[in-house]
Amino acid sequence: MVKQNSWKAWLLASRPKTLTAACMPVASASALAWSDGKFKAD
């Protein structure tokens, strides 16, 4: 068992195994919008 509020608990809660799968659609869509000139970071 992992103690609450420990670094290990935070690391496990971030789900590092699936973090890439969650971020890639956002990153690729942002890259496509930027290359098309429609990306605004406002």
C-alpha atoms as a PDB file:
ATOM      1  CA  MET A   1       0.000   0.000   0.000  1.00  0.00           C
ATOM      2  CA  VAL A   2       1.186   3.519  -0.801  1.00  0.00           C
ATOM      3  CA  LYS A   3       0.965   6.342   1.738  1.00  0.00           C
ATOM      4  CA  GLN A   4      -1.348   9.172   0.795  1.00  0.00           C
ATOM      5  CA  ASN A   5       0.301  12.480  -0.147  1.00  0.00           C
ATOM      6  CA  SER A   6       3.590  10.786  -0.996  1.00  0.00           C
ATOM      7  CA  TRP A   7       5.534  11.289  -4.222  1.00  0.00           C
ATOM      8  CA  LYS A   8       4.928   7.673  -5.178  1.00  0.00           C
ATOM      9  CA  ALA A   9       1.174   8.154  -4.811  1.00  0.00           C
ATOM     10  CA  TRP A  10       1.304  11.239  -7.050  1.00  0.00           C
ATOM     11  CA  LEU A  11       3.396   9.393  -9.616  1.00  0.00           C
ATOM     12  CA  LEU A  12       1.021   6.435  -9.703  1.00  0.00           C
ATOM     13  CA  ALA A  13      -1.985   8.765  -9.924  1.00  0.00           C
ATOM     14  CA  SER A  14      -0.523  10.425 -13.030  1.00  0.00           C
ATOM     15  CA  ARG A  15      -0.725   7.034 -14.809  1.00  0.00           C
ATOM     16  CA  PRO A  16       2.614   7.333 -16.630  1.00  0.00           C
ATOM     17  CA  LYS A  17       1.874   4.243 -18.753  1.00  0.00           C
ATOM     18  CA  THR A  18      -1.106   5.946 -20.424  1.00  0.00           C
ATOM     19  CA  LEU A  19       0.010   9.584 -20.238  1.00  0.00           C
ATOM     20  CA  THR A  20       1.467   9.507 -23.749  1.00  0.00           C
ATOM     21  CA  ALA A  21      -1.728   8.045 -25.180  1.00  0.00           C
ATOM     22  CA  ALA A  22      -3.733  10.816 -23.531  1.00  0.00           C
ATOM     23  CA  CYS A  23      -1.459  13.656 -24.696  1.00  0.00           C
ATOM     24  CA  MET A  24      -0.743  12.587 -28.283  1.00  0.00           C
ATOM     25  CA  PRO A  25      -4.154  13.502 -29.789  1.00  0.00           C
ATOM     26  CA  VAL A  26      -3.919  16.996 -28.294  1.00  0.00           C
ATOM     27  CA  ALA A  27      -0.313  17.440 -29.432  1.00  0.00           C
ATOM     28  CA  SER A  28      -0.959  16.195 -32.956  1.00  0.00           C
ATOM     29  CA  ALA A  29      -4.106  18.315 -33.388  1.00  0.00           C
ATOM     30  CA  SER A  30      -2.234  21.372 -32.112  1.00  0.00           C
ATOM     31  CA  ALA A  31       0.609  20.689 -34.552  1.00  0.00           C
ATOM     32  CA  LEU A  32      -1.849  20.378 -37.441  1.00  0.00           C
ATOM     33  CA  ALA A  33      -3.598  23.617 -36.464  1.00  0.00           C
ATOM     34  CA  TRP A  34      -0.252  25.416 -36.122  1.00  0.00           C
ATOM     35  CA  SER A  35       0.951  24.205 -39.535  1.00  0.00           C
ATOM     36  CA  ASP A  36      -2.323  25.396 -41.058  1.00  0.00           C
ATOM     37  CA  GLY A  37      -1.949  28.807 -39.401  1.00  0.00           C
ATOM     38  CA  LYS A  38      -5.076  28.464 -37.263  1.00  0.00           C
ATOM     39  CA  PHE A  39      -3.451  27.892 -33.864  1.00  0.00           C
ATOM     40  CA  LYS A  40      -3.910  30.687 -31.321  1.00  0.00           C
ATOM     41  CA  ALA A  41      -2.418  30.385 -27.844  1.00  0.00           C
ATOM     42  CA  ASP A  42      -4.486  33.269 -26.432  1.00  0.00           C
END
